Amino acid sequence: MKIKQIMNHAVKACHPEDSLNTAAQAMWENVCGAVPIVDYQSKPIGFLTDRDICMAAYTQGKPLPGISVEGAMARGAICCRVDDELETALELMRSKHVRRLPVIASDGTLAGILSLDDLAYEAARPLRGGVNRELREQVAEVFMAVSRGRIFARSPAPK
């Protein structure tokens, strides 16, 4: 199965110069917890989650309109291509410990996003003759790998 068959094609992106307030508003309006960050040619250059926004506001002690996306985003987006096989995305998520992948078109521009949720919904979809047990197992493995990757040593909270 190709990624383009199950990815979310309607994705909102932000630019590094946008404020965290703009990014938070985009997440709220699009009912999502993350946005890809793109350059002005619509090529992914980073990623921003709702957690990134909260931590930036906390650690910088500023209101969201006063902090740029660039100051909170993860740089270097890990992407897959629209025509990649689903196994490629599963392996990227597993090995890089990410829940979401920006999906790029052949010209490198943002075409959509593939999330662990999208994979779970696909794995739960009934097939003729039963469910896709292999995909369910793969999604469970990715979820466990992503969860293990989130366990890391934290520095003390700022005072």
N, C-alpha and C. Protein backbone atom coordinates (compact mmCIF):
# COMPACT_ATOMS: atom_id res chain seq x y z
N MET A 1 0.84 -1.18 0.00
CA MET A 1 0.00 0.00 0.00
C MET A 1 0.89 1.24 0.00
N LYS A 2 0.49 2.23 -0.76
CA LYS A 2 1.25 3.49 -0.86
C LYS A 2 0.78 4.46 0.22
N ILE A 3 1.71 5.30 0.66
CA ILE A 3 1.42 6.29 1.69
C ILE A 3 0.30 7.22 1.25
N LYS A 4 0.28 7.61 -0.03
CA LYS A 4 -0.73 8.56 -0.50
C LYS A 4 -2.15 8.03 -0.32
N GLN A 5 -2.31 6.72 -0.15
CA GLN A 5 -3.64 6.14 0.00
C GLN A 5 -4.24 6.40 1.38
N ILE A 6 -3.42 6.62 2.39
CA ILE A 6 -3.98 6.81 3.73
C ILE A 6 -3.54 8.10 4.42
N MET A 7 -2.63 8.85 3.81
CA MET A 7 -2.16 10.09 4.45
C MET A 7 -3.27 11.14 4.48
N ASN A 8 -3.09 12.12 5.33
CA ASN A 8 -3.99 13.27 5.40
C ASN A 8 -3.49 14.28 4.37
N HIS A 9 -4.32 14.56 3.37
CA HIS A 9 -3.93 15.49 2.31
C HIS A 9 -4.15 16.95 2.71
N ALA A 10 -5.06 17.19 3.64
CA ALA A 10 -5.38 18.56 4.08
C ALA A 10 -4.57 18.87 5.32
N VAL A 11 -3.39 19.43 5.11
CA VAL A 11 -2.51 19.70 6.24
C VAL A 11 -2.17 21.18 6.28
N LYS A 12 -2.18 21.73 7.48
CA LYS A 12 -1.82 23.13 7.70
C LYS A 12 -0.35 23.18 8.09
N ALA A 13 0.39 24.10 7.52
CA ALA A 13 1.80 24.28 7.84
C ALA A 13 2.04 25.70 8.31
N CYS A 14 3.17 25.92 8.96
CA CYS A 14 3.59 27.25 9.39
C CYS A 14 4.99 27.54 8.87
N HIS A 15 5.38 28.80 8.99
CA HIS A 15 6.72 29.25 8.61
C HIS A 15 7.51 29.58 9.87
N PRO A 16 8.84 29.52 9.81
CA PRO A 16 9.66 29.80 11.00
C PRO A 16 9.41 31.17 11.61
N GLU A 17 9.04 32.16 10.79
CA GLU A 17 8.82 33.52 11.29
C GLU A 17 7.47 33.70 11.96
N ASP A 18 6.56 32.76 11.78
CA ASP A 18 5.25 32.86 12.43
C ASP A 18 5.42 32.83 13.94
N SER A 19 4.45 33.39 14.64
CA SER A 19 4.49 33.33 16.10
C SER A 19 3.92 31.99 16.57
N LEU A 20 4.27 31.63 17.80
CA LEU A 20 3.69 30.41 18.37
C LEU A 20 2.18 30.56 18.54
N ASN A 21 1.72 31.79 18.68
CA ASN A 21 0.28 32.02 18.75
C ASN A 21 -0.39 31.60 17.44
N THR A 22 0.21 31.96 16.32
CA THR A 22 -0.31 31.58 15.00
C THR A 22 -0.32 30.06 14.86
N ALA A 23 0.76 29.40 15.29
CA ALA A 23 0.84 27.94 15.20
C ALA A 23 -0.21 27.28 16.09
N ALA A 24 -0.37 27.80 17.31
CA ALA A 24 -1.38 27.24 18.22
C ALA A 24 -2.78 27.41 17.64
N GLN A 25 -3.04 28.55 17.04
CA GLN A 25 -4.34 28.79 16.42
C GLN A 25 -4.58 27.81 15.26
N ALA A 26 -3.54 27.55 14.45
CA ALA A 26 -3.66 26.60 13.35
C ALA A 26 -3.98 25.20 13.89
N MET A 27 -3.32 24.82 14.98
CA MET A 27 -3.58 23.50 15.57
C MET A 27 -5.00 23.42 16.11
N TRP A 28 -5.46 24.49 16.76
CA TRP A 28 -6.81 24.52 17.31
C TRP A 28 -7.85 24.42 16.19
N GLU A 29 -7.70 25.23 15.17
CA GLU A 29 -8.67 25.27 14.07
C GLU A 29 -8.68 23.99 13.24
N ASN A 30 -7.56 23.29 13.18
CA ASN A 30 -7.46 22.08 12.37
C ASN A 30 -7.48 20.80 13.20
N VAL A 31 -7.78 20.94 14.49
CA VAL A 31 -7.90 19.82 15.42
C VAL A 31 -6.72 18.85 15.27
N CYS A 32 -5.52 19.40 15.47
CA CYS A 32 -4.32 18.59 15.38
C CYS A 32 -3.33 19.04 16.45
N GLY A 33 -2.35 18.20 16.73
CA GLY A 33 -1.39 18.51 17.78
C GLY A 33 -0.01 18.86 17.27
N ALA A 34 0.09 19.06 15.95
CA ALA A 34 1.40 19.38 15.38
C ALA A 34 1.24 19.95 13.98
N VAL A 35 2.23 20.73 13.58
CA VAL A 35 2.25 21.26 12.21
C VAL A 35 3.67 21.16 11.65
N PRO A 36 3.77 20.82 10.36
CA PRO A 36 5.08 20.89 9.72
C PRO A 36 5.47 22.35 9.54
N ILE A 37 6.76 22.61 9.56
CA ILE A 37 7.26 23.96 9.31
C ILE A 37 7.90 23.92 7.93
N VAL A 38 7.49 24.85 7.07
CA VAL A 38 7.96 24.86 5.69
C VAL A 38 8.65 26.17 5.35
N ASP A 39 9.52 26.13 4.34
CA ASP A 39 10.12 27.37 3.83
C ASP A 39 9.13 27.99 2.83
N TYR A 40 9.53 29.05 2.18
CA TYR A 40 8.60 29.73 1.27
C TYR A 40 8.43 29.04 -0.07
N GLN A 41 9.10 27.91 -0.26
CA GLN A 41 8.86 27.06 -1.42
C GLN A 41 8.01 25.84 -1.02
N SER A 42 7.45 25.87 0.20
CA SER A 42 6.62 24.81 0.77
C SER A 42 7.37 23.50 1.00
N LYS A 43 8.68 23.59 1.22
CA LYS A 43 9.48 22.40 1.51
C LYS A 43 9.66 22.29 3.03
N PRO A 44 9.36 21.12 3.59
CA PRO A 44 9.47 20.94 5.04
C PRO A 44 10.90 21.15 5.54
N ILE A 45 11.02 21.95 6.62
CA ILE A 45 12.33 22.21 7.23
C ILE A 45 12.32 21.92 8.72
N GLY A 46 11.15 21.60 9.26
CA GLY A 46 11.06 21.33 10.69
C GLY A 46 9.67 20.87 11.06
N PHE A 47 9.46 20.75 12.37
CA PHE A 47 8.18 20.26 12.87
C PHE A 47 7.93 20.90 14.23
N LEU A 48 6.67 21.17 14.54
CA LEU A 48 6.30 21.81 15.80
C LEU A 48 5.10 21.10 16.39
N THR A 49 5.21 20.72 17.67
CA THR A 49 4.09 20.08 18.35
C THR A 49 3.49 21.03 19.39
N ASP A 50 2.31 20.67 19.86
CA ASP A 50 1.69 21.47 20.91
C ASP A 50 2.55 21.45 22.18
N ARG A 51 3.24 20.37 22.42
CA ARG A 51 4.15 20.28 23.57
C ARG A 51 5.32 21.25 23.39
N ASP A 52 5.85 21.35 22.17
CA ASP A 52 6.93 22.30 21.90
C ASP A 52 6.49 23.73 22.24
N ILE A 53 5.25 24.05 21.90
CA ILE A 53 4.72 25.38 22.18
C ILE A 53 4.66 25.62 23.69
N CYS A 54 4.11 24.66 24.42
CA CYS A 54 4.01 24.80 25.88
C CYS A 54 5.37 24.94 26.54
N MET A 55 6.31 24.12 26.12
CA MET A 55 7.65 24.16 26.73
C MET A 55 8.39 25.45 26.39
N ALA A 56 8.21 25.96 25.18
CA ALA A 56 8.85 27.23 24.80
C ALA A 56 8.28 28.37 25.65
N ALA A 57 6.96 28.40 25.81
CA ALA A 57 6.35 29.45 26.63
C ALA A 57 6.83 29.35 28.08
N TYR A 58 6.92 28.15 28.59
CA TYR A 58 7.36 27.94 29.97
C TYR A 58 8.83 28.33 30.16
N THR A 59 9.69 27.81 29.29
CA THR A 59 11.13 28.05 29.49
C THR A 59 11.55 29.47 29.13
N GLN A 60 10.83 30.12 28.21
CA GLN A 60 11.20 31.48 27.82
C GLN A 60 10.45 32.54 28.60
N GLY A 61 9.38 32.14 29.26
CA GLY A 61 8.63 33.08 30.09
C GLY A 61 8.01 34.22 29.31
N LYS A 62 7.61 33.97 28.08
CA LYS A 62 7.01 35.00 27.23
C LYS A 62 5.64 34.53 26.75
N PRO A 63 4.77 35.46 26.38
CA PRO A 63 3.49 35.07 25.78
C PRO A 63 3.72 34.53 24.37
N LEU A 64 2.81 33.71 23.90
CA LEU A 64 2.95 33.07 22.59
C LEU A 64 3.16 34.04 21.42
N PRO A 65 2.49 35.20 21.39
CA PRO A 65 2.75 36.11 20.27
C PRO A 65 4.19 36.64 20.23
N GLY A 66 4.90 36.53 21.35
CA GLY A 66 6.26 37.06 21.42
C GLY A 66 7.35 36.03 21.14
N ILE A 67 6.96 34.82 20.76
CA ILE A 67 7.94 33.77 20.48
C ILE A 67 7.72 33.28 19.05
N SER A 68 8.80 33.20 18.29
CA SER A 68 8.67 32.71 16.91
C SER A 68 8.69 31.18 16.89
N VAL A 69 8.07 30.63 15.86
CA VAL A 69 8.07 29.19 15.64
C VAL A 69 9.51 28.68 15.60
N GLU A 70 10.39 29.45 14.98
CA GLU A 70 11.79 29.05 14.84
C GLU A 70 12.45 28.78 16.20
N GLY A 71 12.00 29.48 17.23
CA GLY A 71 12.56 29.30 18.55
C GLY A 71 12.08 28.08 19.29
N ALA A 72 11.12 27.36 18.74
CA ALA A 72 10.56 26.20 19.43
C ALA A 72 10.52 24.93 18.57
N MET A 73 10.67 25.07 17.27
CA MET A 73 10.49 23.92 16.37
C MET A 73 11.66 22.96 16.42
N ALA A 74 11.39 21.72 16.07
CA ALA A 74 12.45 20.73 15.84
C ALA A 74 12.91 20.93 14.41
N ARG A 75 14.20 21.05 14.23
CA ARG A 75 14.75 21.30 12.89
C ARG A 75 15.02 19.98 12.17
N GLY A 76 14.99 20.05 10.85
CA GLY A 76 15.30 18.87 10.04
C GLY A 76 14.17 17.87 10.03
N ALA A 77 13.11 18.15 9.31
CA ALA A 77 11.95 17.28 9.25
C ALA A 77 12.30 15.92 8.68
N ILE A 78 11.82 14.88 9.34
CA ILE A 78 11.96 13.51 8.85
C ILE A 78 10.73 13.26 7.99
N CYS A 79 10.92 13.04 6.70
CA CYS A 79 9.81 12.95 5.75
C CYS A 79 9.79 11.62 5.02
N CYS A 80 8.63 11.33 4.45
CA CYS A 80 8.50 10.22 3.51
C CYS A 80 7.87 10.81 2.24
N ARG A 81 7.82 10.01 1.19
CA ARG A 81 7.29 10.47 -0.10
C ARG A 81 5.92 9.86 -0.36
N VAL A 82 5.11 10.56 -1.13
CA VAL A 82 3.75 10.10 -1.41
C VAL A 82 3.72 8.71 -2.03
N ASP A 83 4.70 8.37 -2.83
CA ASP A 83 4.71 7.07 -3.50
C ASP A 83 5.48 5.99 -2.76
N ASP A 84 5.99 6.31 -1.56
CA ASP A 84 6.66 5.28 -0.75
C ASP A 84 5.63 4.24 -0.32
N GLU A 85 6.13 3.05 -0.09
CA GLU A 85 5.29 1.99 0.48
C GLU A 85 5.08 2.27 1.96
N LEU A 86 3.99 1.79 2.49
CA LEU A 86 3.65 1.99 3.90
C LEU A 86 4.75 1.47 4.82
N GLU A 87 5.42 0.39 4.43
CA GLU A 87 6.49 -0.18 5.24
C GLU A 87 7.62 0.83 5.45
N THR A 88 7.87 1.68 4.45
CA THR A 88 8.90 2.71 4.58
C THR A 88 8.56 3.67 5.70
N ALA A 89 7.31 4.11 5.75
CA ALA A 89 6.87 5.03 6.80
C ALA A 89 6.92 4.36 8.17
N LEU A 90 6.47 3.11 8.24
CA LEU A 90 6.50 2.38 9.50
C LEU A 90 7.93 2.28 10.04
N GLU A 91 8.87 1.97 9.18
CA GLU A 91 10.27 1.84 9.60
C GLU A 91 10.85 3.19 10.03
N LEU A 92 10.52 4.27 9.29
CA LEU A 92 10.99 5.60 9.68
C LEU A 92 10.45 5.99 11.06
N MET A 93 9.16 5.78 11.27
CA MET A 93 8.56 6.12 12.56
C MET A 93 9.20 5.30 13.68
N ARG A 94 9.39 4.02 13.41
CA ARG A 94 9.97 3.12 14.41
C ARG A 94 11.41 3.54 14.75
N SER A 95 12.22 3.75 13.74
CA SER A 95 13.64 4.02 13.96
C SER A 95 13.91 5.44 14.47
N LYS A 96 13.08 6.40 14.07
CA LYS A 96 13.29 7.80 14.48
C LYS A 96 12.42 8.21 15.66
N HIS A 97 11.56 7.29 16.13
CA HIS A 97 10.69 7.53 17.30
C HIS A 97 9.79 8.74 17.09
N VAL A 98 9.12 8.80 15.94
CA VAL A 98 8.21 9.91 15.65
C VAL A 98 6.79 9.39 15.39
N ARG A 99 5.81 10.17 15.79
CA ARG A 99 4.40 9.82 15.63
C ARG A 99 3.81 10.34 14.31
N ARG A 100 4.49 11.31 13.72
CA ARG A 100 3.96 11.94 12.50
C ARG A 100 5.08 12.15 11.50
N LEU A 101 4.75 11.99 10.23
CA LEU A 101 5.72 12.23 9.17
C LEU A 101 5.14 13.18 8.14
N PRO A 102 5.80 14.29 7.86
CA PRO A 102 5.39 15.08 6.70
C PRO A 102 5.60 14.21 5.45
N VAL A 103 4.69 14.35 4.52
CA VAL A 103 4.78 13.59 3.27
C VAL A 103 5.06 14.59 2.15
N ILE A 104 6.08 14.30 1.36
CA ILE A 104 6.46 15.23 0.31
C ILE A 104 6.18 14.67 -1.07
N ALA A 105 5.90 15.59 -1.99
CA ALA A 105 5.68 15.25 -3.40
C ALA A 105 7.04 15.05 -4.07
N SER A 106 7.03 14.67 -5.32
CA SER A 106 8.28 14.41 -6.05
C SER A 106 9.18 15.64 -6.14
N ASP A 107 8.59 16.84 -6.05
CA ASP A 107 9.39 18.07 -6.11
C ASP A 107 9.87 18.54 -4.73
N GLY A 108 9.61 17.74 -3.70
CA GLY A 108 10.07 18.08 -2.35
C GLY A 108 9.13 18.96 -1.55
N THR A 109 7.99 19.34 -2.13
CA THR A 109 7.04 20.20 -1.42
C THR A 109 6.10 19.36 -0.55
N LEU A 110 5.58 19.98 0.48
CA LEU A 110 4.67 19.31 1.40
C LEU A 110 3.40 18.89 0.68
N ALA A 111 3.05 17.61 0.77
CA ALA A 111 1.85 17.08 0.13
C ALA A 111 0.82 16.61 1.15
N GLY A 112 1.25 16.38 2.38
CA GLY A 112 0.35 15.89 3.41
C GLY A 112 1.11 15.48 4.64
N ILE A 113 0.42 14.72 5.48
CA ILE A 113 1.05 14.22 6.71
C ILE A 113 0.49 12.83 6.98
N LEU A 114 1.35 11.98 7.51
CA LEU A 114 0.95 10.63 7.89
C LEU A 114 1.21 10.50 9.38
N SER A 115 0.18 10.13 10.12
CA SER A 115 0.33 10.01 11.57
C SER A 115 0.13 8.57 12.01
N LEU A 116 0.58 8.31 13.21
CA LEU A 116 0.34 7.00 13.81
C LEU A 116 -1.15 6.73 13.90
N ASP A 117 -1.95 7.77 14.11
CA ASP A 117 -3.41 7.63 14.13
C ASP A 117 -3.92 7.13 12.78
N ASP A 118 -3.40 7.70 11.68
CA ASP A 118 -3.81 7.26 10.35
C ASP A 118 -3.53 5.77 10.16
N LEU A 119 -2.36 5.35 10.62
CA LEU A 119 -1.98 3.94 10.51
C LEU A 119 -2.89 3.05 11.35
N ALA A 120 -3.22 3.50 12.56
CA ALA A 120 -4.10 2.73 13.44
C ALA A 120 -5.49 2.59 12.83
N TYR A 121 -6.01 3.67 12.26
CA TYR A 121 -7.32 3.60 11.62
C TYR A 121 -7.30 2.63 10.45
N GLU A 122 -6.25 2.66 9.67
CA GLU A 122 -6.13 1.74 8.53
C GLU A 122 -6.03 0.30 9.02
N ALA A 123 -5.30 0.08 10.09
CA ALA A 123 -5.14 -1.27 10.63
C ALA A 123 -6.46 -1.80 11.20
N ALA A 124 -7.32 -0.91 11.66
CA ALA A 124 -8.60 -1.32 12.25
C ALA A 124 -9.70 -1.48 11.21
N ARG A 125 -9.44 -1.01 10.00
CA ARG A 125 -10.45 -1.08 8.94
C ARG A 125 -10.71 -2.54 8.57
N PRO A 126 -11.98 -2.95 8.55
CA PRO A 126 -12.28 -4.34 8.21
C PRO A 126 -11.93 -4.64 6.74
N LEU A 127 -11.33 -5.77 6.54
CA LEU A 127 -11.03 -6.25 5.19
C LEU A 127 -11.94 -7.43 4.88
N ARG A 128 -12.07 -7.74 3.63
CA ARG A 128 -12.84 -8.93 3.27
C ARG A 128 -12.11 -10.14 3.87
N GLY A 129 -12.79 -10.88 4.69
CA GLY A 129 -12.17 -12.04 5.32
C GLY A 129 -11.52 -11.74 6.66
N GLY A 130 -11.72 -10.54 7.21
CA GLY A 130 -11.16 -10.24 8.53
C GLY A 130 -10.42 -8.93 8.57
N VAL A 131 -9.61 -8.75 9.60
CA VAL A 131 -8.83 -7.53 9.77
C VAL A 131 -7.41 -7.76 9.28
N ASN A 132 -6.70 -6.67 9.10
CA ASN A 132 -5.32 -6.75 8.65
C ASN A 132 -4.43 -6.94 9.88
N ARG A 133 -4.27 -8.19 10.30
CA ARG A 133 -3.50 -8.51 11.51
C ARG A 133 -2.04 -8.10 11.38
N GLU A 134 -1.46 -8.27 10.21
CA GLU A 134 -0.05 -7.91 10.02
C GLU A 134 0.16 -6.41 10.25
N LEU A 135 -0.73 -5.58 9.67
CA LEU A 135 -0.60 -4.14 9.86
C LEU A 135 -0.84 -3.77 11.32
N ARG A 136 -1.79 -4.43 11.97
CA ARG A 136 -2.03 -4.16 13.40
C ARG A 136 -0.78 -4.43 14.22
N GLU A 137 -0.12 -5.53 13.94
CA GLU A 137 1.11 -5.86 14.66
C GLU A 137 2.20 -4.83 14.38
N GLN A 138 2.33 -4.40 13.13
CA GLN A 138 3.34 -3.41 12.76
C GLN A 138 3.07 -2.08 13.45
N VAL A 139 1.82 -1.66 13.48
CA VAL A 139 1.45 -0.40 14.14
C VAL A 139 1.74 -0.49 15.64
N ALA A 140 1.44 -1.63 16.25
CA ALA A 140 1.72 -1.81 17.67
C ALA A 140 3.23 -1.72 17.93
N GLU A 141 4.03 -2.31 17.05
CA GLU A 141 5.49 -2.24 17.19
C GLU A 141 5.98 -0.81 17.08
N VAL A 142 5.43 -0.06 16.12
CA VAL A 142 5.83 1.34 15.96
C VAL A 142 5.44 2.14 17.20
N PHE A 143 4.23 1.94 17.69
CA PHE A 143 3.78 2.65 18.88
C PHE A 143 4.70 2.38 20.07
N MET A 144 5.08 1.12 20.25
CA MET A 144 5.97 0.78 21.37
C MET A 144 7.34 1.43 21.17
N ALA A 145 7.86 1.43 19.95
CA ALA A 145 9.17 2.04 19.68
C ALA A 145 9.12 3.55 19.91
N VAL A 146 8.05 4.19 19.47
CA VAL A 146 7.91 5.63 19.67
C VAL A 146 7.81 5.94 21.16
N SER A 147 7.05 5.14 21.88
CA SER A 147 6.89 5.36 23.32
C SER A 147 8.21 5.16 24.05
N ARG A 148 8.98 4.15 23.69
CA ARG A 148 10.30 3.93 24.31
C ARG A 148 11.23 5.08 24.00
N GLY A 149 11.14 5.63 22.80
CA GLY A 149 12.01 6.73 22.40
C GLY A 149 11.74 8.02 23.15
N ARG A 150 10.55 8.13 23.75
CA ARG A 150 10.19 9.35 24.48
C ARG A 150 10.71 9.34 25.91
N ILE A 151 11.23 8.21 26.34
CA ILE A 151 11.77 8.12 27.69
C ILE A 151 13.22 8.60 27.63
N PHE A 152 13.50 9.74 28.22
CA PHE A 152 14.84 10.30 28.19
C PHE A 152 15.09 11.07 29.48
N ALA A 153 16.33 11.32 29.75
CA ALA A 153 16.68 12.08 30.96
C ALA A 153 16.32 13.53 30.76
N ARG A 154 15.68 14.11 31.73
CA ARG A 154 15.29 15.52 31.65
C ARG A 154 16.17 16.33 32.58
N SER A 155 16.46 17.52 32.12
CA SER A 155 17.18 18.44 32.99
C SER A 155 16.16 19.04 33.95
N PRO A 156 16.63 19.54 35.08
CA PRO A 156 15.68 20.15 36.04
C PRO A 156 14.93 21.32 35.40
N ALA A 157 13.72 21.52 35.86
CA ALA A 157 12.90 22.61 35.36
C ALA A 157 13.53 23.95 35.73
N PRO A 158 13.40 24.95 34.84
CA PRO A 158 13.93 26.28 35.18
C PRO A 158 13.20 26.85 36.38
N LYS A 159 13.89 27.70 37.16
CA LYS A 159 13.27 28.29 38.35
C LYS A 159 12.85 29.71 38.09
